[in-house]
């Protein structure tokens, strides 16, 4: 008697999106927002909160470390654009650091790199 056996592997299961983790620290008066995971419509709120200029003091200077960001969609793009606008209006600035090749390419396609400096390292972003 022959039986059909189905072996379920990890690749057979739908991929769960990575939850976005956001941690804020301060280095030399500059807020460093470290993001890890996917920035999409369901997680963008966490980044919005971290980039709110109201809680960042006068002339807020912010670097978003994107080294561990694995995906960004239009929601994430809009968060970065709004943060740039709001931080600039408050007399501060926004810089992005460490974006992976894939994420950086997405930022370049939509033109964010022409508005917001995209630095290759955190150190570069802090001193630019």
N, C-alpha and C. Protein backbone atom coordinates (compact mmCIF):
# COMPACT_ATOMS: atom_id res chain seq x y z
N UNK A 1 0.82 -1.16 0.00
CA UNK A 1 0.00 0.00 0.00
C UNK A 1 0.88 1.24 0.00
N UNK A 2 0.63 2.14 -0.92
CA UNK A 2 1.39 3.38 -1.05
C UNK A 2 0.66 4.50 -0.32
N UNK A 3 1.43 5.30 0.35
CA UNK A 3 0.86 6.47 1.02
C UNK A 3 1.55 7.72 0.51
N UNK A 4 0.75 8.74 0.39
CA UNK A 4 1.33 10.05 0.09
C UNK A 4 1.68 10.71 1.41
N UNK A 5 2.90 11.08 1.52
CA UNK A 5 3.35 11.74 2.73
C UNK A 5 3.68 13.18 2.39
N UNK A 6 3.15 14.08 3.17
CA UNK A 6 3.44 15.50 2.98
C UNK A 6 4.38 15.93 4.08
N UNK A 7 5.50 16.45 3.67
CA UNK A 7 6.46 16.95 4.63
C UNK A 7 6.38 18.47 4.60
N UNK A 8 6.07 19.04 5.74
CA UNK A 8 5.94 20.50 5.83
C UNK A 8 7.29 21.07 6.26
N UNK A 9 7.78 22.02 5.47
CA UNK A 9 9.03 22.69 5.80
C UNK A 9 8.75 24.15 6.08
N UNK A 10 9.75 24.83 6.58
CA UNK A 10 9.60 26.25 6.86
C UNK A 10 9.25 27.04 5.61
N UNK A 11 9.72 26.61 4.45
CA UNK A 11 9.43 27.34 3.22
C UNK A 11 8.00 27.14 2.76
N UNK A 12 7.30 26.12 3.31
CA UNK A 12 5.91 25.90 2.95
C UNK A 12 4.97 26.83 3.72
N UNK A 13 5.44 27.36 4.82
CA UNK A 13 4.61 28.22 5.65
C UNK A 13 4.72 29.66 5.18
N UNK A 14 3.61 30.40 5.24
CA UNK A 14 3.71 31.80 4.89
C UNK A 14 4.64 32.53 5.86
N UNK A 15 5.45 33.41 5.33
CA UNK A 15 6.38 34.16 6.16
C UNK A 15 5.64 35.19 6.99
N UNK A 16 5.89 35.20 8.26
CA UNK A 16 5.33 36.21 9.15
C UNK A 16 6.19 37.46 9.01
N UNK A 17 5.55 38.64 8.94
CA UNK A 17 6.36 39.85 8.87
C UNK A 17 7.13 40.04 10.16
N UNK A 18 8.32 40.62 10.03
CA UNK A 18 9.12 40.90 11.21
C UNK A 18 8.53 42.10 11.92
N UNK A 19 8.34 41.99 13.21
CA UNK A 19 7.86 43.12 13.97
C UNK A 19 8.94 44.19 13.99
N UNK A 20 8.52 45.43 13.95
CA UNK A 20 9.47 46.53 13.98
C UNK A 20 9.84 46.86 15.42
N UNK A 21 11.11 46.85 15.69
CA UNK A 21 11.61 47.28 16.99
C UNK A 21 12.25 48.64 16.80
N UNK A 22 11.96 49.56 17.70
CA UNK A 22 12.51 50.91 17.62
C UNK A 22 13.08 51.27 18.98
N UNK A 23 14.35 51.65 19.00
CA UNK A 23 15.03 52.04 20.23
C UNK A 23 15.66 53.40 19.99
N UNK A 24 15.44 54.33 20.92
CA UNK A 24 16.03 55.66 20.80
C UNK A 24 17.09 55.86 21.87
N UNK A 25 18.23 56.39 21.45
CA UNK A 25 19.31 56.75 22.37
C UNK A 25 19.80 58.14 21.97
N UNK A 26 20.68 58.71 22.77
CA UNK A 26 21.24 60.02 22.45
C UNK A 26 22.76 59.91 22.45
N UNK A 27 23.37 60.47 21.41
CA UNK A 27 24.81 60.51 21.28
C UNK A 27 25.21 61.93 20.92
N UNK A 28 25.96 62.59 21.78
CA UNK A 28 26.42 63.96 21.54
C UNK A 28 25.27 64.90 21.19
N UNK A 29 24.15 64.75 21.86
CA UNK A 29 23.00 65.62 21.64
C UNK A 29 22.18 65.27 20.42
N UNK A 30 22.53 64.19 19.74
CA UNK A 30 21.80 63.74 18.55
C UNK A 30 21.01 62.50 18.93
N UNK A 31 19.72 62.50 18.60
CA UNK A 31 18.89 61.33 18.87
C UNK A 31 19.17 60.29 17.79
N UNK A 32 19.52 59.08 18.21
CA UNK A 32 19.73 57.97 17.28
C UNK A 32 18.56 57.02 17.46
N UNK A 33 17.78 56.87 16.41
CA UNK A 33 16.64 55.96 16.41
C UNK A 33 17.08 54.71 15.65
N UNK A 34 17.20 53.61 16.36
CA UNK A 34 17.61 52.35 15.74
C UNK A 34 16.35 51.54 15.45
N UNK A 35 16.16 51.23 14.18
CA UNK A 35 14.98 50.46 13.75
C UNK A 35 15.44 49.08 13.29
N UNK A 36 14.65 48.07 13.62
CA UNK A 36 14.97 46.70 13.21
C UNK A 36 13.67 46.00 12.83
N UNK A 37 13.66 45.41 11.64
CA UNK A 37 12.48 44.70 11.15
C UNK A 37 11.91 45.38 9.93
N UNK A 38 10.61 45.23 9.74
CA UNK A 38 9.92 45.77 8.57
C UNK A 38 9.18 47.05 8.93
N UNK A 39 9.34 48.07 8.08
CA UNK A 39 8.60 49.31 8.25
C UNK A 39 7.49 49.29 7.21
N UNK A 40 6.27 49.01 7.69
CA UNK A 40 5.13 48.94 6.78
C UNK A 40 3.91 49.56 7.44
N UNK A 41 2.75 49.43 6.81
CA UNK A 41 1.54 50.07 7.32
C UNK A 41 1.18 49.63 8.74
N UNK A 42 1.52 48.42 9.10
CA UNK A 42 1.14 47.93 10.43
C UNK A 42 2.15 48.31 11.51
N UNK A 43 3.35 48.71 11.14
CA UNK A 43 4.38 48.99 12.14
C UNK A 43 4.86 50.44 12.13
N UNK A 44 4.46 51.22 11.14
CA UNK A 44 4.99 52.57 10.98
C UNK A 44 4.71 53.47 12.18
N UNK A 45 3.64 53.20 12.91
CA UNK A 45 3.30 54.01 14.08
C UNK A 45 4.41 54.07 15.11
N UNK A 46 5.14 52.99 15.27
CA UNK A 46 6.26 52.97 16.23
C UNK A 46 7.33 53.97 15.83
N UNK A 47 7.58 54.04 14.53
CA UNK A 47 8.59 54.97 14.04
C UNK A 47 8.09 56.41 14.13
N UNK A 48 6.81 56.63 13.86
CA UNK A 48 6.21 57.97 13.98
C UNK A 48 6.43 58.50 15.39
N UNK A 49 6.17 57.68 16.39
CA UNK A 49 6.33 58.10 17.78
C UNK A 49 7.78 58.47 18.09
N UNK A 50 8.71 57.68 17.61
CA UNK A 50 10.13 57.93 17.89
C UNK A 50 10.63 59.19 17.19
N UNK A 51 10.01 59.56 16.07
CA UNK A 51 10.47 60.71 15.29
C UNK A 51 9.66 61.97 15.54
N UNK A 52 8.78 61.95 16.52
CA UNK A 52 7.95 63.11 16.83
C UNK A 52 8.84 64.23 17.38
N UNK A 53 8.95 65.36 16.66
CA UNK A 53 9.84 66.42 17.12
C UNK A 53 9.42 67.04 18.44
N UNK A 54 8.15 66.91 18.83
CA UNK A 54 7.67 67.46 20.08
C UNK A 54 8.39 66.90 21.29
N UNK A 55 8.83 65.66 21.21
CA UNK A 55 9.52 65.03 22.34
C UNK A 55 11.03 65.03 22.21
N UNK A 56 11.56 65.74 21.21
CA UNK A 56 13.00 65.68 20.94
C UNK A 56 13.75 66.96 21.29
N UNK A 57 13.07 67.93 21.89
CA UNK A 57 13.73 69.15 22.31
C UNK A 57 13.85 70.18 21.19
N UNK A 58 14.55 71.29 21.54
CA UNK A 58 14.76 72.35 20.56
C UNK A 58 15.73 71.90 19.48
N UNK A 59 15.48 72.34 18.28
CA UNK A 59 16.33 72.01 17.13
C UNK A 59 16.72 70.53 17.11
N UNK A 60 15.74 69.68 17.00
CA UNK A 60 16.01 68.23 17.09
C UNK A 60 16.84 67.71 15.91
N UNK A 61 17.90 67.02 16.26
CA UNK A 61 18.77 66.38 15.27
C UNK A 61 18.62 64.87 15.44
N UNK A 62 18.26 64.20 14.35
CA UNK A 62 17.93 62.78 14.44
C UNK A 62 18.62 61.99 13.34
N UNK A 63 19.19 60.86 13.73
CA UNK A 63 19.72 59.87 12.78
C UNK A 63 18.89 58.61 12.96
N UNK A 64 18.37 58.07 11.86
CA UNK A 64 17.70 56.77 11.90
C UNK A 64 18.69 55.74 11.40
N UNK A 65 19.10 54.84 12.29
CA UNK A 65 20.00 53.75 11.94
C UNK A 65 19.15 52.62 11.37
N UNK A 66 19.31 52.36 10.08
CA UNK A 66 18.46 51.40 9.36
C UNK A 66 19.18 50.09 9.05
N UNK A 67 20.28 49.84 9.74
CA UNK A 67 21.08 48.65 9.44
C UNK A 67 20.26 47.36 9.51
N UNK A 68 19.31 47.28 10.44
CA UNK A 68 18.54 46.04 10.61
C UNK A 68 17.13 46.14 10.04
N UNK A 69 16.87 47.16 9.21
CA UNK A 69 15.58 47.27 8.53
C UNK A 69 15.63 46.35 7.32
N UNK A 70 14.67 45.45 7.23
CA UNK A 70 14.66 44.45 6.16
C UNK A 70 13.70 44.80 5.03
N UNK A 71 12.79 45.75 5.28
CA UNK A 71 11.78 46.09 4.28
C UNK A 71 11.21 47.46 4.63
N UNK A 72 10.88 48.23 3.60
CA UNK A 72 10.18 49.50 3.81
C UNK A 72 9.19 49.67 2.67
N UNK A 73 7.95 50.04 3.03
CA UNK A 73 6.94 50.28 2.00
C UNK A 73 6.58 51.76 2.00
N UNK A 74 5.52 52.12 1.27
CA UNK A 74 5.14 53.52 1.14
C UNK A 74 4.78 54.15 2.48
N UNK A 75 4.28 53.37 3.41
CA UNK A 75 3.98 53.90 4.75
C UNK A 75 5.26 54.37 5.43
N UNK A 76 6.29 53.58 5.33
CA UNK A 76 7.58 53.95 5.92
C UNK A 76 8.19 55.15 5.21
N UNK A 77 8.06 55.19 3.90
CA UNK A 77 8.55 56.33 3.13
C UNK A 77 7.85 57.60 3.60
N UNK A 78 6.54 57.53 3.75
CA UNK A 78 5.78 58.70 4.20
C UNK A 78 6.18 59.14 5.61
N UNK A 79 6.47 58.20 6.49
CA UNK A 79 6.92 58.54 7.84
C UNK A 79 8.23 59.31 7.76
N UNK A 80 9.16 58.85 6.94
CA UNK A 80 10.46 59.52 6.82
C UNK A 80 10.30 60.91 6.21
N UNK A 81 9.44 61.05 5.21
CA UNK A 81 9.21 62.36 4.60
C UNK A 81 8.58 63.33 5.59
N UNK A 82 7.58 62.87 6.34
CA UNK A 82 6.94 63.72 7.35
C UNK A 82 7.92 64.11 8.44
N UNK A 83 8.75 63.17 8.87
CA UNK A 83 9.75 63.46 9.90
C UNK A 83 10.74 64.50 9.40
N UNK A 84 11.18 64.35 8.17
CA UNK A 84 12.10 65.33 7.57
C UNK A 84 11.46 66.72 7.58
N UNK A 85 10.22 66.79 7.14
CA UNK A 85 9.51 68.07 7.09
C UNK A 85 9.37 68.67 8.49
N UNK A 86 8.93 67.86 9.45
CA UNK A 86 8.67 68.35 10.80
C UNK A 86 9.96 68.73 11.54
N UNK A 87 10.99 67.91 11.39
CA UNK A 87 12.26 68.20 12.06
C UNK A 87 12.92 69.45 11.47
N UNK A 88 12.84 69.60 10.15
CA UNK A 88 13.40 70.79 9.50
C UNK A 88 12.63 72.04 9.93
N UNK A 89 11.31 71.94 10.00
CA UNK A 89 10.49 73.08 10.44
C UNK A 89 10.81 73.47 11.88
N UNK A 90 11.25 72.53 12.69
CA UNK A 90 11.61 72.80 14.08
C UNK A 90 13.06 73.26 14.22
N UNK A 91 13.74 73.45 13.08
CA UNK A 91 15.13 73.91 13.11
C UNK A 91 16.15 72.81 13.24
N UNK A 92 15.72 71.57 13.08
CA UNK A 92 16.63 70.43 13.20
C UNK A 92 16.86 69.75 11.86
N UNK A 93 17.21 68.50 11.91
CA UNK A 93 17.44 67.74 10.68
C UNK A 93 17.25 66.24 10.91
N UNK A 94 17.17 65.52 9.79
CA UNK A 94 17.05 64.06 9.79
C UNK A 94 18.11 63.50 8.85
N UNK A 95 18.77 62.45 9.29
CA UNK A 95 19.72 61.71 8.45
C UNK A 95 19.42 60.22 8.59
N UNK A 96 19.69 59.48 7.54
CA UNK A 96 19.51 58.03 7.56
C UNK A 96 20.88 57.39 7.47
N UNK A 97 21.06 56.27 8.15
CA UNK A 97 22.35 55.59 8.16
C UNK A 97 22.19 54.09 7.99
N UNK A 98 23.19 53.48 7.36
CA UNK A 98 23.32 52.01 7.30
C UNK A 98 22.22 51.28 6.57
N UNK A 99 21.52 51.91 5.66
CA UNK A 99 20.46 51.19 4.94
C UNK A 99 21.08 50.08 4.10
N UNK A 100 20.43 48.92 4.11
CA UNK A 100 20.89 47.81 3.28
C UNK A 100 20.77 48.20 1.80
N UNK A 101 21.39 47.46 0.95
CA UNK A 101 21.34 47.74 -0.49
C UNK A 101 19.89 47.78 -0.97
N UNK A 102 19.09 46.83 -0.52
CA UNK A 102 17.68 46.76 -0.95
C UNK A 102 16.89 47.97 -0.46
N UNK A 103 17.01 48.29 0.82
CA UNK A 103 16.27 49.41 1.39
C UNK A 103 16.77 50.72 0.78
N UNK A 104 18.07 50.87 0.64
CA UNK A 104 18.63 52.09 0.03
C UNK A 104 18.12 52.26 -1.39
N UNK A 105 18.05 51.18 -2.13
CA UNK A 105 17.55 51.25 -3.51
C UNK A 105 16.10 51.74 -3.52
N UNK A 106 15.30 51.27 -2.59
CA UNK A 106 13.91 51.73 -2.48
C UNK A 106 13.88 53.22 -2.19
N UNK A 107 14.72 53.68 -1.27
CA UNK A 107 14.78 55.10 -0.93
C UNK A 107 15.21 55.93 -2.14
N UNK A 108 16.14 55.41 -2.91
CA UNK A 108 16.61 56.11 -4.10
C UNK A 108 15.55 56.17 -5.19
N UNK A 109 14.81 55.10 -5.37
CA UNK A 109 13.77 55.07 -6.40
C UNK A 109 12.73 56.16 -6.16
N UNK A 110 12.36 56.36 -4.90
CA UNK A 110 11.34 57.38 -4.59
C UNK A 110 11.95 58.76 -4.35
N UNK A 111 13.27 58.85 -4.34
CA UNK A 111 13.93 60.15 -4.27
C UNK A 111 14.18 60.69 -2.88
N UNK A 112 14.01 59.88 -1.85
CA UNK A 112 14.27 60.37 -0.49
C UNK A 112 15.73 60.79 -0.33
N UNK A 113 16.62 60.10 -1.00
CA UNK A 113 18.04 60.42 -0.86
C UNK A 113 18.38 61.81 -1.38
N UNK A 114 17.50 62.43 -2.14
CA UNK A 114 17.73 63.80 -2.60
C UNK A 114 17.29 64.83 -1.56
N UNK A 115 16.48 64.41 -0.59
CA UNK A 115 16.01 65.29 0.48
C UNK A 115 16.71 65.03 1.80
N UNK A 116 16.91 63.77 2.10
CA UNK A 116 17.46 63.35 3.39
C UNK A 116 18.80 62.68 3.14
N UNK A 117 19.87 63.17 3.78
CA UNK A 117 21.15 62.51 3.59
C UNK A 117 21.10 61.03 4.02
N UNK A 118 21.59 60.16 3.14
CA UNK A 118 21.65 58.72 3.41
C UNK A 118 23.14 58.38 3.55
N UNK A 119 23.57 58.16 4.77
CA UNK A 119 24.97 57.93 5.07
C UNK A 119 25.26 56.44 5.16
N UNK A 120 26.49 56.07 4.82
CA UNK A 120 26.88 54.67 4.80
C UNK A 120 27.11 54.08 6.18
N UNK A 121 27.32 54.93 7.18
CA UNK A 121 27.55 54.42 8.53
C UNK A 121 26.96 55.37 9.55
N UNK A 122 26.78 54.88 10.75
CA UNK A 122 26.26 55.70 11.82
C UNK A 122 27.24 56.82 12.15
N UNK A 123 28.51 56.50 12.20
CA UNK A 123 29.53 57.51 12.48
C UNK A 123 29.49 58.65 11.47
N UNK A 124 29.35 58.30 10.21
CA UNK A 124 29.27 59.30 9.15
C UNK A 124 28.04 60.18 9.35
N UNK A 125 26.91 59.58 9.69
CA UNK A 125 25.68 60.34 9.89
C UNK A 125 25.78 61.27 11.09
N UNK A 126 26.48 60.85 12.12
CA UNK A 126 26.62 61.68 13.32
C UNK A 126 27.55 62.88 13.10
N UNK A 127 28.48 62.75 12.18
CA UNK A 127 29.46 63.82 11.97
C UNK A 127 29.27 64.61 10.69
N UNK A 128 28.33 64.21 9.86
CA UNK A 128 28.13 64.89 8.56
C UNK A 128 27.67 66.32 8.74
